[in-house]
Amino acid sequence: MEAIFDDIAAALREPRTDLWHLSALRAIDMAGKLFLGIAIGLGVGLGMVIAG
């Protein structure tokens, strides 16, 4: 398990400026924002249902 975190840390330290890396980074960022938006929306909706 520690080897996975070591690999991730090494990958994050490597400077990369290629186009694929930037587009993958943007895709991960957009997916995270979408997931967070869905989670917040479901939480608010569920809260409204519980509140009546």
PDB file of N, CA and C in Angstrom:
ATOM      1  N   MET A   1       0.816  -1.188   0.000  1.00  0.00           N
ATOM      2  CA  MET A   1       0.000   0.000   0.000  1.00  0.00           C
ATOM      3  C   MET A   1       0.860   1.253   0.000  1.00  0.00           C
ATOM      4  N   GLU A   2       1.959   1.217   0.746  1.00  0.00           N
ATOM      5  CA  GLU A   2       2.832   2.379   0.791  1.00  0.00           C
ATOM      6  C   GLU A   2       3.490   2.630  -0.562  1.00  0.00           C
ATOM      7  N   ALA A   3       3.725   1.568  -1.314  1.00  0.00           N
ATOM      8  CA  ALA A   3       4.342   1.728  -2.632  1.00  0.00           C
ATOM      9  C   ALA A   3       3.431   2.513  -3.562  1.00  0.00           C
ATOM     10  N   ILE A   4       2.130   2.330  -3.429  1.00  0.00           N
ATOM     11  CA  ILE A   4       1.184   3.083  -4.264  1.00  0.00           C
ATOM     12  C   ILE A   4       1.302   4.565  -3.960  1.00  0.00           C
ATOM     13  N   PHE A   5       1.344   4.917  -2.664  1.00  0.00           N
ATOM     14  CA  PHE A   5       1.454   6.322  -2.296  1.00  0.00           C
ATOM     15  C   PHE A   5       2.798   6.903  -2.708  1.00  0.00           C
ATOM     16  N   ASP A   6       3.852   6.089  -2.667  1.00  0.00           N
ATOM     17  CA  ASP A   6       5.161   6.544  -3.120  1.00  0.00           C
ATOM     18  C   ASP A   6       5.133   6.835  -4.623  1.00  0.00           C
ATOM     19  N   ASP A   7       4.462   5.959  -5.385  1.00  0.00           N
ATOM     20  CA  ASP A   7       4.347   6.182  -6.826  1.00  0.00           C
ATOM     21  C   ASP A   7       3.542   7.436  -7.127  1.00  0.00           C
ATOM     22  N   ILE A   8       2.471   7.636  -6.389  1.00  0.00           N
ATOM     23  CA  ILE A   8       1.645   8.832  -6.596  1.00  0.00           C
ATOM     24  C   ILE A   8       2.445  10.086  -6.261  1.00  0.00           C
ATOM     25  N   ALA A   9       3.166  10.054  -5.168  1.00  0.00           N
ATOM     26  CA  ALA A   9       3.967  11.214  -4.766  1.00  0.00           C
ATOM     27  C   ALA A   9       5.053  11.507  -5.798  1.00  0.00           C
ATOM     28  N   ALA A  10       5.682  10.457  -6.322  1.00  0.00           N
ATOM     29  CA  ALA A  10       6.719  10.650  -7.343  1.00  0.00           C
ATOM     30  C   ALA A  10       6.109  11.209  -8.620  1.00  0.00           C
ATOM     31  N   ALA A  11       4.919  10.743  -8.979  1.00  0.00           N
ATOM     32  CA  ALA A  11       4.263  11.246 -10.187  1.00  0.00           C
ATOM     33  C   ALA A  11       3.860  12.701 -10.033  1.00  0.00           C
ATOM     34  N   LEU A  12       3.458  13.097  -8.839  1.00  0.00           N
ATOM     35  CA  LEU A  12       3.060  14.487  -8.625  1.00  0.00           C
ATOM     36  C   LEU A  12       4.263  15.425  -8.615  1.00  0.00           C
ATOM     37  N   ARG A  13       5.430  14.908  -8.242  1.00  0.00           N
ATOM     38  CA  ARG A  13       6.629  15.748  -8.222  1.00  0.00           C
ATOM     39  C   ARG A  13       7.219  15.959  -9.603  1.00  0.00           C
ATOM     40  N   GLU A  14       6.952  15.067 -10.541  1.00  0.00           N
ATOM     41  CA  GLU A  14       7.535  15.173 -11.869  1.00  0.00           C
ATOM     42  C   GLU A  14       6.925  16.352 -12.627  1.00  0.00           C
ATOM     43  N   PRO A  15       7.757  17.226 -13.147  1.00  0.00           N
ATOM     44  CA  PRO A  15       7.196  18.333 -13.942  1.00  0.00           C
ATOM     45  C   PRO A  15       6.807  17.851 -15.335  1.00  0.00           C
ATOM     46  N   ARG A  16       5.566  18.046 -15.690  1.00  0.00           N
ATOM     47  CA  ARG A  16       5.105  17.647 -17.014  1.00  0.00           C
ATOM     48  C   ARG A  16       4.340  18.814 -17.621  1.00  0.00           C
ATOM     49  N   THR A  17       4.582  19.038 -18.888  1.00  0.00           N
ATOM     50  CA  THR A  17       3.900  20.142 -19.560  1.00  0.00           C
ATOM     51  C   THR A  17       3.272  19.704 -20.873  1.00  0.00           C
ATOM     52  N   ASP A  18       3.163  18.399 -21.094  1.00  0.00           N
ATOM     53  CA  ASP A  18       2.581  17.946 -22.350  1.00  0.00           C
ATOM     54  C   ASP A  18       1.071  18.178 -22.361  1.00  0.00           C
ATOM     55  N   LEU A  19       0.504  18.189 -23.546  1.00  0.00           N
ATOM     56  CA  LEU A  19      -0.902  18.513 -23.723  1.00  0.00           C
ATOM     57  C   LEU A  19      -1.810  17.463 -23.089  1.00  0.00           C
ATOM     58  N   TRP A  20      -1.427  16.193 -23.166  1.00  0.00           N
ATOM     59  CA  TRP A  20      -2.278  15.143 -22.607  1.00  0.00           C
ATOM     60  C   TRP A  20      -2.389  15.280 -21.104  1.00  0.00           C
ATOM     61  N   HIS A  21      -1.302  15.667 -20.471  1.00  0.00           N
ATOM     62  CA  HIS A  21      -1.331  15.827 -19.020  1.00  0.00           C
ATOM     63  C   HIS A  21      -2.266  16.973 -18.639  1.00  0.00           C
ATOM     64  N   LEU A  22      -2.203  18.073 -19.369  1.00  0.00           N
ATOM     65  CA  LEU A  22      -3.054  19.215 -19.055  1.00  0.00           C
ATOM     66  C   LEU A  22      -4.521  18.884 -19.290  1.00  0.00           C
ATOM     67  N   SER A  23      -4.821  18.167 -20.366  1.00  0.00           N
ATOM     68  CA  SER A  23      -6.217  17.826 -20.625  1.00  0.00           C
ATOM     69  C   SER A  23      -6.724  16.811 -19.603  1.00  0.00           C
ATOM     70  N   ALA A  24      -5.872  15.875 -19.183  1.00  0.00           N
ATOM     71  CA  ALA A  24      -6.275  14.917 -18.158  1.00  0.00           C
ATOM     72  C   ALA A  24      -6.504  15.624 -16.830  1.00  0.00           C
ATOM     73  N   LEU A  25      -5.665  16.578 -16.528  1.00  0.00           N
ATOM     74  CA  LEU A  25      -5.828  17.342 -15.296  1.00  0.00           C
ATOM     75  C   LEU A  25      -7.133  18.117 -15.314  1.00  0.00           C
ATOM     76  N   ARG A  26      -7.452  18.723 -16.448  1.00  0.00           N
ATOM     77  CA  ARG A  26      -8.709  19.473 -16.568  1.00  0.00           C
ATOM     78  C   ARG A  26      -9.907  18.524 -16.471  1.00  0.00           C
ATOM     79  N   ALA A  27      -9.811  17.341 -17.070  1.00  0.00           N
ATOM     80  CA  ALA A  27     -10.902  16.371 -17.013  1.00  0.00           C
ATOM     81  C   ALA A  27     -11.129  15.893 -15.577  1.00  0.00           C
ATOM     82  N   ILE A  28     -10.051  15.653 -14.843  1.00  0.00           N
ATOM     83  CA  ILE A  28     -10.182  15.229 -13.450  1.00  0.00           C
ATOM     84  C   ILE A  28     -10.798  16.349 -12.622  1.00  0.00           C
ATOM     85  N   ASP A  29     -10.406  17.580 -12.888  1.00  0.00           N
ATOM     86  CA  ASP A  29     -10.958  18.721 -12.173  1.00  0.00           C
ATOM     87  C   ASP A  29     -12.450  18.865 -12.450  1.00  0.00           C
ATOM     88  N   MET A  30     -12.844  18.739 -13.713  1.00  0.00           N
ATOM     89  CA  MET A  30     -14.255  18.866 -14.070  1.00  0.00           C
ATOM     90  C   MET A  30     -15.076  17.716 -13.471  1.00  0.00           C
ATOM     91  N   ALA A  31     -14.523  16.508 -13.475  1.00  0.00           N
ATOM     92  CA  ALA A  31     -15.235  15.372 -12.891  1.00  0.00           C
ATOM     93  C   ALA A  31     -15.414  15.563 -11.387  1.00  0.00           C
ATOM     94  N   GLY A  32     -14.408  16.102 -10.734  1.00  0.00           N
ATOM     95  CA  GLY A  32     -14.512  16.374  -9.302  1.00  0.00           C
ATOM     96  C   GLY A  32     -15.569  17.414  -9.004  1.00  0.00           C
ATOM     97  N   LYS A  33     -15.622  18.465  -9.824  1.00  0.00           N
ATOM     98  CA  LYS A  33     -16.644  19.496  -9.623  1.00  0.00           C
ATOM     99  C   LYS A  33     -18.040  18.945  -9.884  1.00  0.00           C
ATOM    100  N   LEU A  34     -18.173  18.100 -10.910  1.00  0.00           N
ATOM    101  CA  LEU A  34     -19.469  17.491 -11.211  1.00  0.00           C
ATOM    102  C   LEU A  34     -19.911  16.599 -10.054  1.00  0.00           C
ATOM    103  N   PHE A  35     -19.002  15.762  -9.555  1.00  0.00           N
ATOM    104  CA  PHE A  35     -19.327  14.877  -8.443  1.00  0.00           C
ATOM    105  C   PHE A  35     -19.715  15.671  -7.209  1.00  0.00           C
ATOM    106  N   LEU A  36     -18.982  16.747  -6.919  1.00  0.00           N
ATOM    107  CA  LEU A  36     -19.293  17.570  -5.761  1.00  0.00           C
ATOM    108  C   LEU A  36     -20.654  18.238  -5.924  1.00  0.00           C
ATOM    109  N   GLY A  37     -20.949  18.720  -7.124  1.00  0.00           N
ATOM    110  CA  GLY A  37     -22.240  19.344  -7.378  1.00  0.00           C
ATOM    111  C   GLY A  37     -23.387  18.367  -7.211  1.00  0.00           C
ATOM    112  N   ILE A  38     -23.203  17.150  -7.712  1.00  0.00           N
ATOM    113  CA  ILE A  38     -24.244  16.129  -7.558  1.00  0.00           C
ATOM    114  C   ILE A  38     -24.421  15.772  -6.084  1.00  0.00           C
ATOM    115  N   ALA A  39     -23.326  15.633  -5.366  1.00  0.00           N
ATOM    116  CA  ALA A  39     -23.402  15.284  -3.947  1.00  0.00           C
ATOM    117  C   ALA A  39     -24.109  16.380  -3.155  1.00  0.00           C
ATOM    118  N   ILE A  40     -23.805  17.635  -3.439  1.00  0.00           N
ATOM    119  CA  ILE A  40     -24.463  18.734  -2.732  1.00  0.00           C
ATOM    120  C   ILE A  40     -25.939  18.772  -3.092  1.00  0.00           C
ATOM    121  N   GLY A  41     -26.241  18.603  -4.370  1.00  0.00           N
ATOM    122  CA  GLY A  41     -27.643  18.607  -4.795  1.00  0.00           C
ATOM    123  C   GLY A  41     -28.445  17.493  -4.152  1.00  0.00           C
ATOM    124  N   LEU A  42     -27.874  16.295  -4.110  1.00  0.00           N
ATOM    125  CA  LEU A  42     -28.567  15.191  -3.452  1.00  0.00           C
ATOM    126  C   LEU A  42     -28.735  15.442  -1.959  1.00  0.00           C
ATOM    127  N   GLY A  43     -27.736  16.018  -1.336  1.00  0.00           N
ATOM    128  CA  GLY A  43     -27.837  16.327   0.097  1.00  0.00           C
ATOM    129  C   GLY A  43     -28.909  17.340   0.381  1.00  0.00           C
ATOM    130  N   VAL A  44     -28.985  18.381  -0.422  1.00  0.00           N
ATOM    131  CA  VAL A  44     -30.030  19.397  -0.228  1.00  0.00           C
ATOM    132  C   VAL A  44     -31.400  18.786  -0.499  1.00  0.00           C
ATOM    133  N   GLY A  45     -31.514  18.019  -1.590  1.00  0.00           N
ATOM    134  CA  GLY A  45     -32.790  17.384  -1.908  1.00  0.00           C
ATOM    135  C   GLY A  45     -33.247  16.425  -0.824  1.00  0.00           C
ATOM    136  N   LEU A  46     -32.330  15.614  -0.340  1.00  0.00           N
ATOM    137  CA  LEU A  46     -32.668  14.672   0.727  1.00  0.00           C
ATOM    138  C   LEU A  46     -33.046  15.414   2.004  1.00  0.00           C
ATOM    139  N   GLY A  47     -32.345  16.492   2.298  1.00  0.00           N
ATOM    140  CA  GLY A  47     -32.677  17.293   3.473  1.00  0.00           C
ATOM    141  C   GLY A  47     -34.069  17.899   3.363  1.00  0.00           C
ATOM    142  N   MET A  48     -34.429  18.336   2.146  1.00  0.00           N
ATOM    143  CA  MET A  48     -35.762  18.915   1.961  1.00  0.00           C
ATOM    144  C   MET A  48     -36.841  17.836   2.096  1.00  0.00           C
ATOM    145  N   VAL A  49     -36.544  16.631   1.612  1.00  0.00           N
ATOM    146  CA  VAL A  49     -37.509  15.532   1.735  1.00  0.00           C
ATOM    147  C   VAL A  49     -37.708  15.157   3.206  1.00  0.00           C
ATOM    148  N   ILE A  50     -36.623  15.079   3.946  1.00  0.00           N
ATOM    149  CA  ILE A  50     -36.717  14.720   5.361  1.00  0.00           C
ATOM    150  C   ILE A  50     -37.433  15.810   6.144  1.00  0.00           C
ATOM    151  N   ALA A  51     -37.164  17.078   5.818  1.00  0.00           N
ATOM    152  CA  ALA A  51     -37.770  18.185   6.522  1.00  0.00           C
ATOM    153  C   ALA A  51     -39.275  18.272   6.239  1.00  0.00           C
ATOM    154  N   GLY A  52     -39.686  17.718   5.117  1.00  0.00           N
ATOM    155  CA  GLY A  52     -41.118  17.697   4.819  1.00  0.00           C
ATOM    156  C   GLY A  52     -41.452  18.767   3.895  1.00  0.00           C
TER     157      GLY A  52
END
